[in-house]
Amino acid sequence: MIRVYTDMAADVFHIGHLNLLKKAKAMGDYLIVGVHSDEQIASYKRRPIFSEQDRYEIMRGCRYVDEVIEAAPLVMTKDFLLNNKIDLVVRGDDTSQQHLEQQADPIDMGIMRYVPRTPGISTSDIIDRIVGEYRNE
């Protein structure tokens, strides 16, 4: 059995998230999704719209997801990967230097895979569109 892992904020769940989960699941037999805590997300992005408990439940409700790791670490260490018996790590190909640092161990272990990001959609774009619509009323 191939155990695949991806992690995300999973805030304002959208088609880009769904596409990542589909692609990750297709690479193995069992998909584990690490969902970051509110505090973790706020440390590098912004305060999430949905609470971490809601985001955990949204992920659990997705048919592609077999397991959710709550408050998943931002940095995927070798110990974390081995302790969770992760065979493959899958992320979108929109990587930054920060992402590469967080993924250093799976890259070194040769288990890191990237899939194309869904163009034209992001949580930040959705938030901006909502805010723009309400400002125009």
Protein backbone atom coordinates (compact mmCIF):
# COMPACT_ATOMS: atom_id res chain seq x y z
CA MET A 1 0.00 0.00 0.00
CA ILE A 2 1.35 3.42 -0.98
CA ARG A 3 0.61 6.08 1.64
CA VAL A 4 0.51 9.58 0.14
CA TYR A 5 0.71 12.79 2.15
CA THR A 6 -0.16 16.37 1.35
CA ASP A 7 -0.62 19.31 3.67
CA MET A 8 -2.57 22.52 3.40
CA ALA A 9 -4.38 25.30 5.18
CA ALA A 10 -7.62 24.06 3.55
CA ASP A 11 -9.24 27.43 4.18
CA VAL A 12 -12.22 28.39 2.00
CA PHE A 13 -12.12 24.99 0.28
CA HIS A 14 -12.20 25.37 -3.52
CA ILE A 15 -11.64 23.52 -6.80
CA GLY A 16 -7.87 23.96 -6.57
CA HIS A 17 -7.85 22.09 -3.26
CA LEU A 18 -10.08 19.37 -4.72
CA ASN A 19 -7.85 18.97 -7.77
CA LEU A 20 -4.77 18.58 -5.56
CA LEU A 21 -6.51 15.92 -3.47
CA LYS A 22 -7.63 14.00 -6.59
CA LYS A 23 -4.13 14.06 -8.07
CA ALA A 24 -2.50 13.06 -4.78
CA LYS A 25 -4.94 10.19 -4.24
CA ALA A 26 -4.27 8.92 -7.78
CA MET A 27 -0.59 8.50 -6.86
CA GLY A 28 -1.24 5.93 -4.17
CA ASP A 29 -3.72 3.90 -2.18
CA TYR A 30 -4.20 5.91 1.01
CA LEU A 31 -4.27 9.71 1.24
CA ILE A 32 -3.27 11.49 4.42
CA VAL A 33 -3.93 15.24 4.58
CA GLY A 34 -2.16 17.39 7.11
CA VAL A 35 -4.18 20.47 7.99
CA HIS A 36 -2.33 23.36 9.62
CA SER A 37 -3.67 25.03 12.76
CA ASP A 38 -5.00 28.58 12.86
CA GLU A 39 -1.87 29.71 14.70
CA GLN A 40 0.46 28.11 12.16
CA ILE A 41 -1.34 29.70 9.21
CA ALA A 42 -1.41 33.14 10.84
CA SER A 43 2.36 32.89 11.30
CA TYR A 44 3.03 32.97 7.55
CA LYS A 45 -0.15 34.11 5.82
CA ARG A 46 -3.20 35.61 7.47
CA ARG A 47 -5.76 34.51 10.02
CA PRO A 48 -7.89 31.77 8.41
CA ILE A 49 -11.53 32.45 7.53
CA PHE A 50 -12.69 29.01 8.72
CA SER A 51 -11.66 27.67 12.14
CA GLU A 52 -9.21 24.81 12.28
CA GLN A 53 -11.91 22.49 13.64
CA ASP A 54 -14.14 23.30 10.65
CA ARG A 55 -11.23 22.78 8.26
CA TYR A 56 -10.41 19.40 9.81
CA GLU A 57 -14.03 18.30 9.37
CA ILE A 58 -14.20 19.57 5.79
CA MET A 59 -11.15 17.45 4.95
CA ARG A 60 -12.59 14.41 6.73
CA GLY A 61 -15.74 14.80 4.62
CA CYS A 62 -13.86 14.68 1.32
CA ARG A 63 -14.13 11.30 -0.37
CA TYR A 64 -10.48 11.33 -1.50
CA VAL A 65 -9.12 11.74 2.04
CA ASP A 66 -8.50 8.66 4.16
CA GLU A 67 -6.92 10.33 7.19
CA VAL A 68 -6.45 13.84 8.56
CA ILE A 69 -3.53 14.95 10.69
CA GLU A 70 -4.64 17.92 12.79
CA ALA A 71 -2.24 20.81 13.38
CA ALA A 72 0.18 19.24 10.93
CA PRO A 73 3.71 20.62 11.12
CA LEU A 74 4.75 23.20 8.58
CA VAL A 75 8.13 21.50 8.20
CA MET A 76 7.98 17.88 7.09
CA THR A 77 10.82 16.22 8.97
CA LYS A 78 12.18 12.77 8.25
CA ASP A 79 10.92 11.64 11.68
CA PHE A 80 7.40 12.92 10.91
CA LEU A 81 7.38 11.12 7.57
CA LEU A 82 8.71 7.85 8.99
CA ASN A 83 6.45 7.94 12.07
CA ASN A 84 3.39 8.35 9.81
CA LYS A 85 4.66 5.73 7.31
CA ILE A 86 4.47 8.20 4.44
CA ASP A 87 5.75 6.85 1.13
CA LEU A 88 5.14 9.90 -1.05
CA VAL A 89 4.58 13.62 -0.48
CA VAL A 90 2.57 15.56 -3.06
CA ARG A 91 2.26 19.34 -3.33
CA GLY A 92 1.27 21.90 -5.93
CA ASP A 93 4.05 23.15 -8.17
CA ASP A 94 3.69 26.75 -6.97
CA THR A 95 6.69 26.42 -4.67
CA SER A 96 8.51 29.24 -2.96
CA GLN A 97 11.85 29.22 -1.18
CA GLN A 98 9.93 28.83 2.10
CA HIS A 99 8.11 25.77 0.72
CA LEU A 100 11.37 24.22 -0.46
CA GLU A 101 12.85 24.65 3.01
CA GLN A 102 9.76 23.06 4.59
CA GLN A 103 10.03 20.15 2.13
CA ALA A 104 13.81 19.62 2.39
CA ASP A 105 13.58 16.18 4.02
CA PRO A 106 11.08 14.63 1.57
CA ILE A 107 13.13 16.12 -1.29
CA ASP A 108 16.32 14.58 0.16
CA MET A 109 14.50 11.26 0.67
CA GLY A 110 13.40 11.27 -3.00
CA ILE A 111 9.70 11.03 -2.12
CA MET A 112 8.60 14.58 -3.08
CA ARG A 113 6.29 14.97 -6.08
CA TYR A 114 4.77 18.12 -7.56
CA VAL A 115 1.53 18.40 -9.50
CA PRO A 116 0.34 21.34 -11.60
CA ARG A 117 -1.56 23.98 -9.65
CA THR A 118 -5.07 24.79 -10.80
CA PRO A 119 -4.71 28.09 -12.65
CA GLY A 120 -6.81 31.12 -11.79
CA ILE A 121 -7.95 30.10 -8.31
CA SER A 122 -6.62 30.68 -4.81
CA THR A 123 -8.12 31.36 -1.42
CA SER A 124 -6.63 34.86 -1.45
CA ASP A 125 -8.26 35.59 -4.82
CA ILE A 126 -11.63 34.34 -3.54
CA ILE A 127 -11.38 36.55 -0.46
CA ASP A 128 -10.44 39.55 -2.61
CA ARG A 129 -13.41 38.92 -4.93
CA ILE A 130 -15.82 38.66 -1.99
CA VAL A 131 -14.50 41.81 -0.35
CA GLY A 132 -14.64 43.66 -3.70
CA GLU A 133 -18.24 42.63 -4.32
CA TYR A 134 -19.40 43.77 -0.89
CA ARG A 135 -17.56 47.09 -1.16
CA ASN A 136 -19.43 47.88 -4.38
CA GLU A 137 -22.89 47.49 -2.83
